[in-house]
C-alpha atoms as a PDB file:
ATOM      1  CA  MET A   1      -0.099  -0.003   0.107  1.00  0.00           C
ATOM      2  CA  THR A   2       1.139   3.546  -0.595  1.00  0.00           C
ATOM      3  CA  ASP A   3       1.944   5.702   2.548  1.00  0.00           C
ATOM      4  CA  MET A   4      -0.556   8.372   2.509  1.00  0.00           C
ATOM      5  CA  SER A   5       0.542   9.867   5.887  1.00  0.00           C
ATOM      6  CA  GLY A   6       1.627  13.318   5.952  1.00  0.00           C
ATOM      7  CA  PHE A   7      -0.895  14.455   3.252  1.00  0.00           C
ATOM      8  CA  SER A   8      -2.850  17.499   3.886  1.00  0.00           C
ATOM      9  CA  ASP A   9      -6.613  17.350   4.278  1.00  0.00           C
ATOM     10  CA  GLU A  10      -6.670  19.239   0.903  1.00  0.00           C
ATOM     11  CA  ALA A  11      -4.550  16.699  -0.814  1.00  0.00           C
ATOM     12  CA  LEU A  12      -6.718  13.754   0.529  1.00  0.00           C
ATOM     13  CA  ALA A  13      -9.843  15.702  -0.609  1.00  0.00           C
ATOM     14  CA  VAL A  14      -8.515  15.267  -4.228  1.00  0.00           C
ATOM     15  CA  PHE A  15      -8.241  11.461  -3.595  1.00  0.00           C
ATOM     16  CA  ALA A  16     -11.693  11.327  -1.977  1.00  0.00           C
ATOM     17  CA  PHE A  17     -13.247  13.152  -4.951  1.00  0.00           C
ATOM     18  CA  ALA A  18     -11.658  10.732  -7.304  1.00  0.00           C
ATOM     19  CA  ALA A  19     -12.495   7.790  -5.154  1.00  0.00           C
ATOM     20  CA  TYR A  20     -16.156   8.786  -4.992  1.00  0.00           C
ATOM     21  CA  HIS A  21     -16.271   9.098  -8.874  1.00  0.00           C
ATOM     22  CA  GLN A  22     -14.440   5.650  -9.318  1.00  0.00           C
ATOM     23  CA  LEU A  23     -16.721   4.008  -6.739  1.00  0.00           C
ATOM     24  CA  THR A  24     -20.006   5.304  -8.113  1.00  0.00           C
ATOM     25  CA  SER A  25     -19.010   4.660 -11.784  1.00  0.00           C
ATOM     26  CA  GLY A  26     -17.123   1.421 -11.380  1.00  0.00           C
ATOM     27  CA  GLN A  27     -14.548   2.624 -13.664  1.00  0.00           C
ATOM     28  CA  MET A  28     -10.979   3.671 -12.943  1.00  0.00           C
ATOM     29  CA  VAL A  29     -10.282   7.313 -12.629  1.00  0.00           C
ATOM     30  CA  LYS A  30      -7.206   8.777 -14.216  1.00  0.00           C
ATOM     31  CA  SER A  31      -8.202  12.377 -13.930  1.00  0.00           C
ATOM     32  CA  VAL A  32     -10.373  14.546 -12.261  1.00  0.00           C
ATOM     33  CA  VAL A  33     -11.697  18.300 -12.745  1.00  0.00           C
ATOM     34  CA  GLN A  34      -9.414  20.739 -11.247  1.00  0.00           C
ATOM     35  CA  GLN A  35     -11.854  23.748 -11.806  1.00  0.00           C
ATOM     36  CA  ASP A  36     -15.391  23.460 -13.432  1.00  0.00           C
ATOM     37  CA  GLY A  37     -16.137  27.045 -13.924  1.00  0.00           C
ATOM     38  CA  SER A  38     -19.139  26.842 -11.616  1.00  0.00           C
ATOM     39  CA  GLY A  39     -17.258  27.694  -8.577  1.00  0.00           C
ATOM     40  CA  HIS A  40     -15.903  24.327  -7.761  1.00  0.00           C
ATOM     41  CA  LYS A  41     -12.296  24.230  -7.550  1.00  0.00           C
ATOM     42  CA  ALA A  42      -9.528  21.873  -6.220  1.00  0.00           C
ATOM     43  CA  SER A  43      -7.158  23.819  -3.580  1.00  0.00           C
ATOM     44  CA  ASP A  44      -4.240  25.294  -5.306  1.00  0.00           C
ATOM     45  CA  LYS A  45      -2.231  24.070  -2.194  1.00  0.00           C
ATOM     46  CA  ALA A  46      -3.410  20.464  -2.653  1.00  0.00           C
ATOM     47  CA  VAL A  47      -2.644  20.410  -6.328  1.00  0.00           C
ATOM     48  CA  GLU A  48       0.963  21.695  -5.515  1.00  0.00           C
ATOM     49  CA  GLU A  49       1.450  19.302  -2.943  1.00  0.00           C
ATOM     50  CA  LEU A  50       0.450  16.379  -4.974  1.00  0.00           C
ATOM     51  CA  GLN A  51       2.385  17.655  -8.022  1.00  0.00           C
ATOM     52  CA  SER A  52       5.548  17.977  -5.720  1.00  0.00           C
ATOM     53  CA  ARG A  53       5.150  14.300  -4.639  1.00  0.00           C
ATOM     54  CA  GLY A  54       4.744  13.171  -8.347  1.00  0.00           C
ATOM     55  CA  PHE A  55       1.231  11.848  -7.853  1.00  0.00           C
ATOM     56  CA  VAL A  56      -0.489  14.372 -10.240  1.00  0.00           C
ATOM     57  CA  GLU A  57       0.151  16.666 -13.229  1.00  0.00           C
ATOM     58  CA  ALA A  58      -2.313  19.550 -13.722  1.00  0.00           C
ATOM     59  CA  ASP A  59      -3.115  21.950 -16.350  1.00  0.00           C
ATOM     60  CA  GLY A  60      -5.603  24.302 -14.773  1.00  0.00           C
ATOM     61  CA  GLU A  61      -8.571  22.520 -15.942  1.00  0.00           C
ATOM     62  CA  ALA A  62      -7.941  18.756 -15.013  1.00  0.00           C
ATOM     63  CA  ILE A  63      -5.819  17.026 -12.425  1.00  0.00           C
ATOM     64  CA  HIS A  64      -4.224  13.999 -14.153  1.00  0.00           C
ATOM     65  CA  PHE A  65      -2.982  11.095 -11.908  1.00  0.00           C
ATOM     66  CA  THR A  66       0.500   9.866 -12.689  1.00  0.00           C
ATOM     67  CA  ALA A  67       1.287   6.171 -12.523  1.00  0.00           C
ATOM     68  CA  SER A  68       2.254   6.668  -8.968  1.00  0.00           C
ATOM     69  CA  GLY A  69      -0.858   8.709  -8.399  1.00  0.00           C
ATOM     70  CA  GLU A  70      -3.100   6.004  -9.739  1.00  0.00           C
ATOM     71  CA  LYS A  71      -1.490   3.512  -7.437  1.00  0.00           C
ATOM     72  CA  ALA A  72      -1.934   5.739  -4.639  1.00  0.00           C
ATOM     73  CA  LEU A  73      -5.685   6.337  -5.540  1.00  0.00           C
ATOM     74  CA  GLN A  74      -6.198   2.594  -5.704  1.00  0.00           C
ATOM     75  CA  SER A  75      -4.395   2.294  -2.185  1.00  0.00           C
ATOM     76  CA  PHE A  76      -6.808   5.015  -0.858  1.00  0.00           C
ATOM     77  CA  ILE A  77      -9.871   3.240  -2.053  1.00  0.00           C
ATOM     78  CA  SER A  78      -8.371  -0.143  -0.587  1.00  0.00           C
ATOM     79  CA  GLY A  79      -8.286   1.803   2.799  1.00  0.00           C
ATOM     80  CA  ILE A  80     -11.876   2.874   2.494  1.00  0.00           C
ATOM     81  CA  ARG A  81     -12.995  -0.574   1.776  1.00  0.00           C
ATOM     82  CA  GLY A  82     -10.862  -2.189   4.529  1.00  0.00           C
ATOM     83  CA  GLY A  83     -12.296   0.473   7.116  1.00  0.00           C
ATOM     84  CA  LEU A  84     -15.586  -0.908   6.431  1.00  0.00           C
ATOM     85  CA  ASN A  85     -14.470  -4.126   7.808  1.00  0.00           C
ATOM     86  CA  THR A  86     -13.468  -2.726  11.155  1.00  0.00           C
END
């Protein structure tokens, strides 16, 4: 599992958003919207944090998970599922 310790809540929220979409659609998520033009926007701090760790690349409109980011997202989802068994 990917070590998610030390991430800010804002960075974890990016993973939570992606996890929500993956869990509800049943399809692997490789990117999420960074800014939708309707007032919903990922934290700049979170994007910078995730970029600095090599988990995402962002272009202002979308946050694209790198291979490491995809692995971290799957680990995050596994953690959610594992937490349901406690």
